[in-house]
């Protein structure tokens, strides 16, 4: 599912993807489209759907500290969270 070129997203943009047909999460400022992965998640899809559109870093690290999500979800990476620009 790797999109052609990862781009930058705001958390607000990510928060719009909370449906079963468009399910995004953020882990350590990396945006993943987990729409297809959610169906195969060993812990069930509900936990993913309940947290769709959010930064799930703390939750993931609490539940799965031993899992290398960068490798597991490498094909689901669609972008990164934009760094906020300081006001001038």
PDB file of N, CA and C in Angstrom:
ATOM      1  N   UNK A   1       0.812  -1.175   0.000  1.00  0.00           N
ATOM      2  CA  UNK A   1       0.000   0.000   0.000  1.00  0.00           C
ATOM      3  C   UNK A   1       0.865   1.252   0.000  1.00  0.00           C
ATOM      4  N   UNK A   2       2.153   1.121   0.007  1.00  0.00           N
ATOM      5  CA  UNK A   2       3.036   2.277   0.050  1.00  0.00           C
ATOM      6  C   UNK A   2       2.651   3.259  -1.037  1.00  0.00           C
ATOM      7  N   UNK A   3       2.326   4.477  -0.631  1.00  0.00           N
ATOM      8  CA  UNK A   3       1.988   5.518  -1.581  1.00  0.00           C
ATOM      9  C   UNK A   3       3.262   5.926  -2.299  1.00  0.00           C
ATOM     10  N   UNK A   4       3.113   6.536  -3.466  1.00  0.00           N
ATOM     11  CA  UNK A   4       4.272   6.834  -4.298  1.00  0.00           C
ATOM     12  C   UNK A   4       5.359   7.607  -3.561  1.00  0.00           C
ATOM     13  N   UNK A   5       4.988   8.709  -2.941  1.00  0.00           N
ATOM     14  CA  UNK A   5       5.988   9.501  -2.240  1.00  0.00           C
ATOM     15  C   UNK A   5       5.396   9.983  -0.922  1.00  0.00           C
ATOM     16  N   UNK A   6       6.018   9.630   0.193  1.00  0.00           N
ATOM     17  CA  UNK A   6       5.496  10.106   1.472  1.00  0.00           C
ATOM     18  C   UNK A   6       5.440  11.636   1.485  1.00  0.00           C
ATOM     19  N   UNK A   7       4.394  12.176   2.096  1.00  0.00           N
ATOM     20  CA  UNK A   7       4.269  13.623   2.195  1.00  0.00           C
ATOM     21  C   UNK A   7       4.042  14.015   3.639  1.00  0.00           C
ATOM     22  N   UNK A   8       3.931  15.285   3.875  1.00  0.00           N
ATOM     23  CA  UNK A   8       3.718  15.777   5.230  1.00  0.00           C
ATOM     24  C   UNK A   8       2.240  16.062   5.454  1.00  0.00           C
ATOM     25  N   UNK A   9       1.772  15.717   6.650  1.00  0.00           N
ATOM     26  CA  UNK A   9       0.382  15.912   7.043  1.00  0.00           C
ATOM     27  C   UNK A   9       0.340  16.632   8.383  1.00  0.00           C
ATOM     28  N   UNK A  10      -0.764  17.305   8.633  1.00  0.00           N
ATOM     29  CA  UNK A  10      -1.010  17.858   9.962  1.00  0.00           C
ATOM     30  C   UNK A  10      -1.801  16.820  10.751  1.00  0.00           C
ATOM     31  N   UNK A  11      -1.798  16.953  12.072  1.00  0.00           N
ATOM     32  CA  UNK A  11      -2.619  16.056  12.888  1.00  0.00           C
ATOM     33  C   UNK A  11      -4.096  16.245  12.556  1.00  0.00           C
ATOM     34  N   UNK A  12      -4.468  17.445  12.168  1.00  0.00           N
ATOM     35  CA  UNK A  12      -5.855  17.705  11.774  1.00  0.00           C
ATOM     36  C   UNK A  12      -6.218  16.893  10.527  1.00  0.00           C
ATOM     37  N   UNK A  13      -5.308  16.827   9.558  1.00  0.00           N
ATOM     38  CA  UNK A  13      -5.571  16.019   8.356  1.00  0.00           C
ATOM     39  C   UNK A  13      -5.709  14.542   8.714  1.00  0.00           C
ATOM     40  N   UNK A  14      -4.836  14.069   9.574  1.00  0.00           N
ATOM     41  CA  UNK A  14      -4.891  12.666   9.996  1.00  0.00           C
ATOM     42  C   UNK A  14      -6.214  12.381  10.701  1.00  0.00           C
ATOM     43  N   UNK A  15      -6.687  13.327  11.490  1.00  0.00           N
ATOM     44  CA  UNK A  15      -7.913  13.122  12.273  1.00  0.00           C
ATOM     45  C   UNK A  15      -9.154  12.944  11.403  1.00  0.00           C
ATOM     46  N   UNK A  16      -9.052  13.225  10.123  1.00  0.00           N
ATOM     47  CA  UNK A  16     -10.175  13.041   9.198  1.00  0.00           C
ATOM     48  C   UNK A  16     -10.292  11.591   8.717  1.00  0.00           C
ATOM     49  N   UNK A  17      -9.324  10.752   9.052  1.00  0.00           N
ATOM     50  CA  UNK A  17      -9.281   9.371   8.555  1.00  0.00           C
ATOM     51  C   UNK A  17      -9.564   8.395   9.695  1.00  0.00           C
ATOM     52  N   UNK A  18     -10.846   8.300  10.035  1.00  0.00           N
ATOM     53  CA  UNK A  18     -11.270   7.492  11.180  1.00  0.00           C
ATOM     54  C   UNK A  18     -12.270   6.405  10.799  1.00  0.00           C
ATOM     55  N   UNK A  19     -12.426   6.162   9.512  1.00  0.00           N
ATOM     56  CA  UNK A  19     -13.426   5.191   9.056  1.00  0.00           C
ATOM     57  C   UNK A  19     -12.763   3.871   8.676  1.00  0.00           C
ATOM     58  N   UNK A  20     -13.566   2.830   8.610  1.00  0.00           N
ATOM     59  CA  UNK A  20     -13.037   1.512   8.238  1.00  0.00           C
ATOM     60  C   UNK A  20     -12.476   1.499   6.820  1.00  0.00           C
ATOM     61  N   UNK A  21     -12.941   2.423   5.974  1.00  0.00           N
ATOM     62  CA  UNK A  21     -12.436   2.464   4.600  1.00  0.00           C
ATOM     63  C   UNK A  21     -11.331   3.510   4.411  1.00  0.00           C
ATOM     64  N   UNK A  22     -10.955   4.182   5.469  1.00  0.00           N
ATOM     65  CA  UNK A  22      -9.850   5.140   5.440  1.00  0.00           C
ATOM     66  C   UNK A  22      -9.386   5.357   6.877  1.00  0.00           C
ATOM     67  N   UNK A  23      -8.454   4.534   7.300  1.00  0.00           N
ATOM     68  CA  UNK A  23      -8.050   4.463   8.706  1.00  0.00           C
ATOM     69  C   UNK A  23      -6.551   4.763   8.817  1.00  0.00           C
ATOM     70  N   UNK A  24      -6.232   5.916   9.385  1.00  0.00           N
ATOM     71  CA  UNK A  24      -4.845   6.324   9.543  1.00  0.00           C
ATOM     72  C   UNK A  24      -4.513   6.437  11.025  1.00  0.00           C
ATOM     73  N   UNK A  25      -3.248   6.168  11.348  1.00  0.00           N
ATOM     74  CA  UNK A  25      -2.741   6.392  12.700  1.00  0.00           C
ATOM     75  C   UNK A  25      -1.366   7.039  12.602  1.00  0.00           C
ATOM     76  N   UNK A  26      -0.924   7.590  13.718  1.00  0.00           N
ATOM     77  CA  UNK A  26       0.407   8.186  13.813  1.00  0.00           C
ATOM     78  C   UNK A  26       1.184   7.447  14.887  1.00  0.00           C
ATOM     79  N   UNK A  27       2.417   7.072  14.548  1.00  0.00           N
ATOM     80  CA  UNK A  27       3.348   6.473  15.507  1.00  0.00           C
ATOM     81  C   UNK A  27       4.674   7.212  15.372  1.00  0.00           C
ATOM     82  N   UNK A  28       5.079   7.892  16.413  1.00  0.00           N
ATOM     83  CA  UNK A  28       6.342   8.649  16.422  1.00  0.00           C
ATOM     84  C   UNK A  28       6.454   9.592  15.228  1.00  0.00           C
ATOM     85  N   UNK A  29       5.405  10.351  14.999  1.00  0.00           N
ATOM     86  CA  UNK A  29       5.345  11.357  13.934  1.00  0.00           C
ATOM     87  C   UNK A  29       5.364  10.781  12.522  1.00  0.00           C
ATOM     88  N   UNK A  30       5.133   9.487  12.391  1.00  0.00           N
ATOM     89  CA  UNK A  30       5.019   8.846  11.083  1.00  0.00           C
ATOM     90  C   UNK A  30       3.556   8.484  10.880  1.00  0.00           C
ATOM     91  N   UNK A  31       3.030   8.808   9.694  1.00  0.00           N
ATOM     92  CA  UNK A  31       1.623   8.551   9.388  1.00  0.00           C
ATOM     93  C   UNK A  31       1.516   7.236   8.626  1.00  0.00           C
ATOM     94  N   UNK A  32       0.647   6.361   9.126  1.00  0.00           N
ATOM     95  CA  UNK A  32       0.418   5.060   8.502  1.00  0.00           C
ATOM     96  C   UNK A  32      -1.048   4.925   8.109  1.00  0.00           C
ATOM     97  N   UNK A  33      -1.283   4.425   6.907  1.00  0.00           N
ATOM     98  CA  UNK A  33      -2.633   4.067   6.472  1.00  0.00           C
ATOM     99  C   UNK A  33      -2.809   2.595   6.834  1.00  0.00           C
ATOM    100  N   UNK A  34      -3.586   2.342   7.876  1.00  0.00           N
ATOM    101  CA  UNK A  34      -3.761   0.975   8.373  1.00  0.00           C
ATOM    102  C   UNK A  34      -5.132   0.404   7.997  1.00  0.00           C
ATOM    103  N   UNK A  35      -5.710   0.948   6.945  1.00  0.00           N
ATOM    104  CA  UNK A  35      -7.036   0.509   6.504  1.00  0.00           C
ATOM    105  C   UNK A  35      -7.072  -0.997   6.285  1.00  0.00           C
ATOM    106  N   UNK A  36      -6.136  -1.524   5.544  1.00  0.00           N
ATOM    107  CA  UNK A  36      -6.106  -2.965   5.259  1.00  0.00           C
ATOM    108  C   UNK A  36      -5.528  -3.755   6.426  1.00  0.00           C
ATOM    109  N   UNK A  37      -4.510  -3.202   7.073  1.00  0.00           N
ATOM    110  CA  UNK A  37      -3.868  -3.910   8.183  1.00  0.00           C
ATOM    111  C   UNK A  37      -4.838  -4.161   9.340  1.00  0.00           C
ATOM    112  N   UNK A  38      -5.735  -3.227   9.591  1.00  0.00           N
ATOM    113  CA  UNK A  38      -6.657  -3.350  10.732  1.00  0.00           C
ATOM    114  C   UNK A  38      -7.416  -4.671  10.700  1.00  0.00           C
ATOM    115  N   UNK A  39      -7.766  -5.126   9.523  1.00  0.00           N
ATOM    116  CA  UNK A  39      -8.534  -6.371   9.377  1.00  0.00           C
ATOM    117  C   UNK A  39      -7.744  -7.589   9.862  1.00  0.00           C
ATOM    118  N   UNK A  40      -6.421  -7.501   9.792  1.00  0.00           N
ATOM    119  CA  UNK A  40      -5.553  -8.621  10.154  1.00  0.00           C
ATOM    120  C   UNK A  40      -4.858  -8.432  11.504  1.00  0.00           C
ATOM    121  N   UNK A  41      -5.136  -7.347  12.195  1.00  0.00           N
ATOM    122  CA  UNK A  41      -4.478  -7.059  13.466  1.00  0.00           C
ATOM    123  C   UNK A  41      -4.758  -8.183  14.467  1.00  0.00           C
ATOM    124  N   UNK A  42      -3.713  -8.792  15.026  1.00  0.00           N
ATOM    125  CA  UNK A  42      -3.902  -9.925  15.936  1.00  0.00           C
ATOM    126  C   UNK A  42      -4.789  -9.615  17.143  1.00  0.00           C
ATOM    127  N   UNK A  43      -4.798  -8.381  17.591  1.00  0.00           N
ATOM    128  CA  UNK A  43      -5.624  -8.009  18.735  1.00  0.00           C
ATOM    129  C   UNK A  43      -7.034  -7.587  18.352  1.00  0.00           C
ATOM    130  N   UNK A  44      -7.368  -7.751  17.089  1.00  0.00           N
ATOM    131  CA  UNK A  44      -8.685  -7.351  16.605  1.00  0.00           C
ATOM    132  C   UNK A  44      -8.656  -5.949  16.017  1.00  0.00           C
ATOM    133  N   UNK A  45      -9.590  -5.680  15.162  1.00  0.00           N
ATOM    134  CA  UNK A  45      -9.622  -4.392  14.472  1.00  0.00           C
ATOM    135  C   UNK A  45     -10.202  -3.265  15.329  1.00  0.00           C
ATOM    136  N   UNK A  46     -11.013  -3.600  16.320  1.00  0.00           N
ATOM    137  CA  UNK A  46     -11.685  -2.550  17.099  1.00  0.00           C
ATOM    138  C   UNK A  46     -10.725  -1.582  17.767  1.00  0.00           C
ATOM    139  N   UNK A  47      -9.637  -2.078  18.331  1.00  0.00           N
ATOM    140  CA  UNK A  47      -8.684  -1.193  19.002  1.00  0.00           C
ATOM    141  C   UNK A  47      -8.088  -0.195  18.012  1.00  0.00           C
ATOM    142  N   UNK A  48      -7.888  -0.620  16.782  1.00  0.00           N
ATOM    143  CA  UNK A  48      -7.360   0.289  15.764  1.00  0.00           C
ATOM    144  C   UNK A  48      -8.430   1.299  15.365  1.00  0.00           C
ATOM    145  N   UNK A  49      -9.646   0.834  15.117  1.00  0.00           N
ATOM    146  CA  UNK A  49     -10.719   1.749  14.725  1.00  0.00           C
ATOM    147  C   UNK A  49     -11.017   2.769  15.824  1.00  0.00           C
ATOM    148  N   UNK A  50     -10.937   2.351  17.078  1.00  0.00           N
ATOM    149  CA  UNK A  50     -11.192   3.264  18.198  1.00  0.00           C
ATOM    150  C   UNK A  50     -10.138   4.361  18.299  1.00  0.00           C
ATOM    151  N   UNK A  51      -8.958   4.105  17.766  1.00  0.00           N
ATOM    152  CA  UNK A  51      -7.859   5.063  17.860  1.00  0.00           C
ATOM    153  C   UNK A  51      -7.465   5.658  16.517  1.00  0.00           C
ATOM    154  N   UNK A  52      -8.250   5.400  15.502  1.00  0.00           N
ATOM    155  CA  UNK A  52      -7.970   5.927  14.162  1.00  0.00           C
ATOM    156  C   UNK A  52      -7.978   7.454  14.184  1.00  0.00           C
ATOM    157  N   UNK A  53      -7.095   8.012  13.385  1.00  0.00           N
ATOM    158  CA  UNK A  53      -7.015   9.461  13.280  1.00  0.00           C
ATOM    159  C   UNK A  53      -6.257  10.119  14.412  1.00  0.00           C
ATOM    160  N   UNK A  54      -5.571   9.326  15.220  1.00  0.00           N
ATOM    161  CA  UNK A  54      -4.884   9.854  16.405  1.00  0.00           C
ATOM    162  C   UNK A  54      -3.409   9.458  16.419  1.00  0.00           C
ATOM    163  N   UNK A  55      -2.678  10.137  17.289  1.00  0.00           N
ATOM    164  CA  UNK A  55      -1.307   9.730  17.586  1.00  0.00           C
ATOM    165  C   UNK A  55      -1.397   8.580  18.582  1.00  0.00           C
ATOM    166  N   UNK A  56      -0.988   7.409  18.152  1.00  0.00           N
ATOM    167  CA  UNK A  56      -1.108   6.185  18.963  1.00  0.00           C
ATOM    168  C   UNK A  56       0.219   5.750  19.565  1.00  0.00           C
ATOM    169  N   UNK A  57       1.203   6.622  19.550  1.00  0.00           N
ATOM    170  CA  UNK A  57       2.542   6.254  19.999  1.00  0.00           C
ATOM    171  C   UNK A  57       2.545   5.714  21.428  1.00  0.00           C
ATOM    172  N   UNK A  58       1.970   6.454  22.359  1.00  0.00           N
ATOM    173  CA  UNK A  58       1.981   6.015  23.764  1.00  0.00           C
ATOM    174  C   UNK A  58       1.219   4.709  23.948  1.00  0.00           C
ATOM    175  N   UNK A  59       0.056   4.611  23.331  1.00  0.00           N
ATOM    176  CA  UNK A  59      -0.744   3.388  23.436  1.00  0.00           C
ATOM    177  C   UNK A  59       0.025   2.200  22.873  1.00  0.00           C
ATOM    178  N   UNK A  60       0.612   2.374  21.689  1.00  0.00           N
ATOM    179  CA  UNK A  60       1.356   1.286  21.058  1.00  0.00           C
ATOM    180  C   UNK A  60       2.523   0.850  21.942  1.00  0.00           C
ATOM    181  N   UNK A  61       3.286   1.816  22.435  1.00  0.00           N
ATOM    182  CA  UNK A  61       4.452   1.479  23.255  1.00  0.00           C
ATOM    183  C   UNK A  61       4.064   0.823  24.574  1.00  0.00           C
ATOM    184  N   UNK A  62       2.885   1.135  25.077  1.00  0.00           N
ATOM    185  CA  UNK A  62       2.394   0.498  26.298  1.00  0.00           C
ATOM    186  C   UNK A  62       2.000  -0.952  26.039  1.00  0.00           C
ATOM    187  N   UNK A  63       1.309  -1.186  24.924  1.00  0.00           N
ATOM    188  CA  UNK A  63       0.800  -2.525  24.626  1.00  0.00           C
ATOM    189  C   UNK A  63       1.804  -3.429  23.918  1.00  0.00           C
ATOM    190  N   UNK A  64       2.684  -2.834  23.099  1.00  0.00           N
ATOM    191  CA  UNK A  64       3.584  -3.628  22.250  1.00  0.00           C
ATOM    192  C   UNK A  64       5.021  -3.095  22.259  1.00  0.00           C
ATOM    193  N   UNK A  65       5.658  -2.938  23.398  1.00  0.00           N
ATOM    194  CA  UNK A  65       6.994  -2.337  23.401  1.00  0.00           C
ATOM    195  C   UNK A  65       8.048  -3.160  22.659  1.00  0.00           C
ATOM    196  N   UNK A  66       7.812  -4.413  22.429  1.00  0.00           N
ATOM    197  CA  UNK A  66       8.784  -5.292  21.781  1.00  0.00           C
ATOM    198  C   UNK A  66       8.630  -5.331  20.253  1.00  0.00           C
ATOM    199  N   UNK A  67       7.586  -4.735  19.722  1.00  0.00           N
ATOM    200  CA  UNK A  67       7.326  -4.838  18.281  1.00  0.00           C
ATOM    201  C   UNK A  67       7.980  -3.681  17.536  1.00  0.00           C
ATOM    202  N   UNK A  68       8.659  -3.997  16.445  1.00  0.00           N
ATOM    203  CA  UNK A  68       9.261  -2.992  15.576  1.00  0.00           C
ATOM    204  C   UNK A  68       8.209  -2.560  14.557  1.00  0.00           C
ATOM    205  N   UNK A  69       7.422  -1.548  14.915  1.00  0.00           N
ATOM    206  CA  UNK A  69       6.332  -1.130  14.030  1.00  0.00           C
ATOM    207  C   UNK A  69       6.837  -0.514  12.734  1.00  0.00           C
ATOM    208  N   UNK A  70       8.036   0.059  12.744  1.00  0.00           N
ATOM    209  CA  UNK A  70       8.562   0.636  11.500  1.00  0.00           C
ATOM    210  C   UNK A  70       8.748  -0.450  10.449  1.00  0.00           C
ATOM    211  N   UNK A  71       9.173  -1.619  10.882  1.00  0.00           N
ATOM    212  CA  UNK A  71       9.318  -2.732   9.946  1.00  0.00           C
ATOM    213  C   UNK A  71       7.954  -3.349   9.637  1.00  0.00           C
ATOM    214  N   UNK A  72       7.145  -3.572  10.669  1.00  0.00           N
ATOM    215  CA  UNK A  72       5.838  -4.193  10.500  1.00  0.00           C
ATOM    216  C   UNK A  72       4.941  -3.391   9.561  1.00  0.00           C
ATOM    217  N   UNK A  73       4.983  -2.079   9.685  1.00  0.00           N
ATOM    218  CA  UNK A  73       4.077  -1.219   8.913  1.00  0.00           C
ATOM    219  C   UNK A  73       4.778  -0.462   7.783  1.00  0.00           C
ATOM    220  N   UNK A  74       5.960  -0.915   7.396  1.00  0.00           N
ATOM    221  CA  UNK A  74       6.720  -0.169   6.392  1.00  0.00           C
ATOM    222  C   UNK A  74       5.955   0.034   5.086  1.00  0.00           C
ATOM    223  N   UNK A  75       5.124  -0.919   4.709  1.00  0.00           N
ATOM    224  CA  UNK A  75       4.361  -0.778   3.471  1.00  0.00           C
ATOM    225  C   UNK A  75       3.108   0.071   3.643  1.00  0.00           C
ATOM    226  N   UNK A  76       2.836   0.489   4.876  1.00  0.00           N
ATOM    227  CA  UNK A  76       1.667   1.315   5.163  1.00  0.00           C
ATOM    228  C   UNK A  76       2.034   2.778   5.399  1.00  0.00           C
ATOM    229  N   UNK A  77       3.321   3.080   5.366  1.00  0.00           N
ATOM    230  CA  UNK A  77       3.781   4.445   5.603  1.00  0.00           C
ATOM    231  C   UNK A  77       3.326   5.341   4.458  1.00  0.00           C
ATOM    232  N   UNK A  78       2.636   6.435   4.816  1.00  0.00           N
ATOM    233  CA  UNK A  78       2.194   7.368   3.772  1.00  0.00           C
ATOM    234  C   UNK A  78       2.781   8.752   3.958  1.00  0.00           C
ATOM    235  N   UNK A  79       3.366   9.017   5.120  1.00  0.00           N
ATOM    236  CA  UNK A  79       3.942  10.337   5.312  1.00  0.00           C
ATOM    237  C   UNK A  79       4.381  10.590   6.738  1.00  0.00           C
ATOM    238  N   UNK A  80       4.567  11.876   7.003  1.00  0.00           N
ATOM    239  CA  UNK A  80       5.093  12.327   8.287  1.00  0.00           C
ATOM    240  C   UNK A  80       4.266  13.507   8.788  1.00  0.00           C
ATOM    241  N   UNK A  81       4.272  13.710  10.083  1.00  0.00           N
ATOM    242  CA  UNK A  81       3.594  14.866  10.660  1.00  0.00           C
ATOM    243  C   UNK A  81       4.456  16.101  10.412  1.00  0.00           C
ATOM    244  N   UNK A  82       3.812  17.153   9.922  1.00  0.00           N
ATOM    245  CA  UNK A  82       4.517  18.412   9.671  1.00  0.00           C
ATOM    246  C   UNK A  82       5.039  18.975  10.978  1.00  0.00           C
ATOM    247  N   UNK A  83       6.260  19.435  10.919  1.00  0.00           N
ATOM    248  CA  UNK A  83       6.811  20.131  12.072  1.00  0.00           C
ATOM    249  C   UNK A  83       6.235  21.544  12.056  1.00  0.00           C
ATOM    250  N   UNK A  84       5.801  21.997  13.225  1.00  0.00           N
ATOM    251  CA  UNK A  84       5.232  23.341  13.294  1.00  0.00           C
ATOM    252  C   UNK A  84       6.331  24.368  13.075  1.00  0.00           C
ATOM    253  N   UNK A  85       6.004  25.368  12.274  1.00  0.00           N
ATOM    254  CA  UNK A  85       6.943  26.445  11.994  1.00  0.00           C
ATOM    255  C   UNK A  85       6.816  27.507  13.087  1.00  0.00           C
ATOM    256  N   UNK A  86       7.940  27.974  13.601  1.00  0.00           N
ATOM    257  CA  UNK A  86       7.857  29.035  14.613  1.00  0.00           C
ATOM    258  C   UNK A  86       7.274  30.308  13.999  1.00  0.00           C
ATOM    259  N   UNK A  87       6.467  31.007  14.796  1.00  0.00           N
ATOM    260  CA  UNK A  87       5.890  32.258  14.312  1.00  0.00           C
ATOM    261  C   UNK A  87       6.971  33.319  14.276  1.00  0.00           C
ATOM    262  N   UNK A  88       6.889  34.172  13.245  1.00  0.00           N
ATOM    263  CA  UNK A  88       7.899  35.233  13.088  1.00  0.00           C
ATOM    264  C   UNK A  88       7.388  36.533  13.641  1.00  0.00           C
TER     265      UNK A  88
END
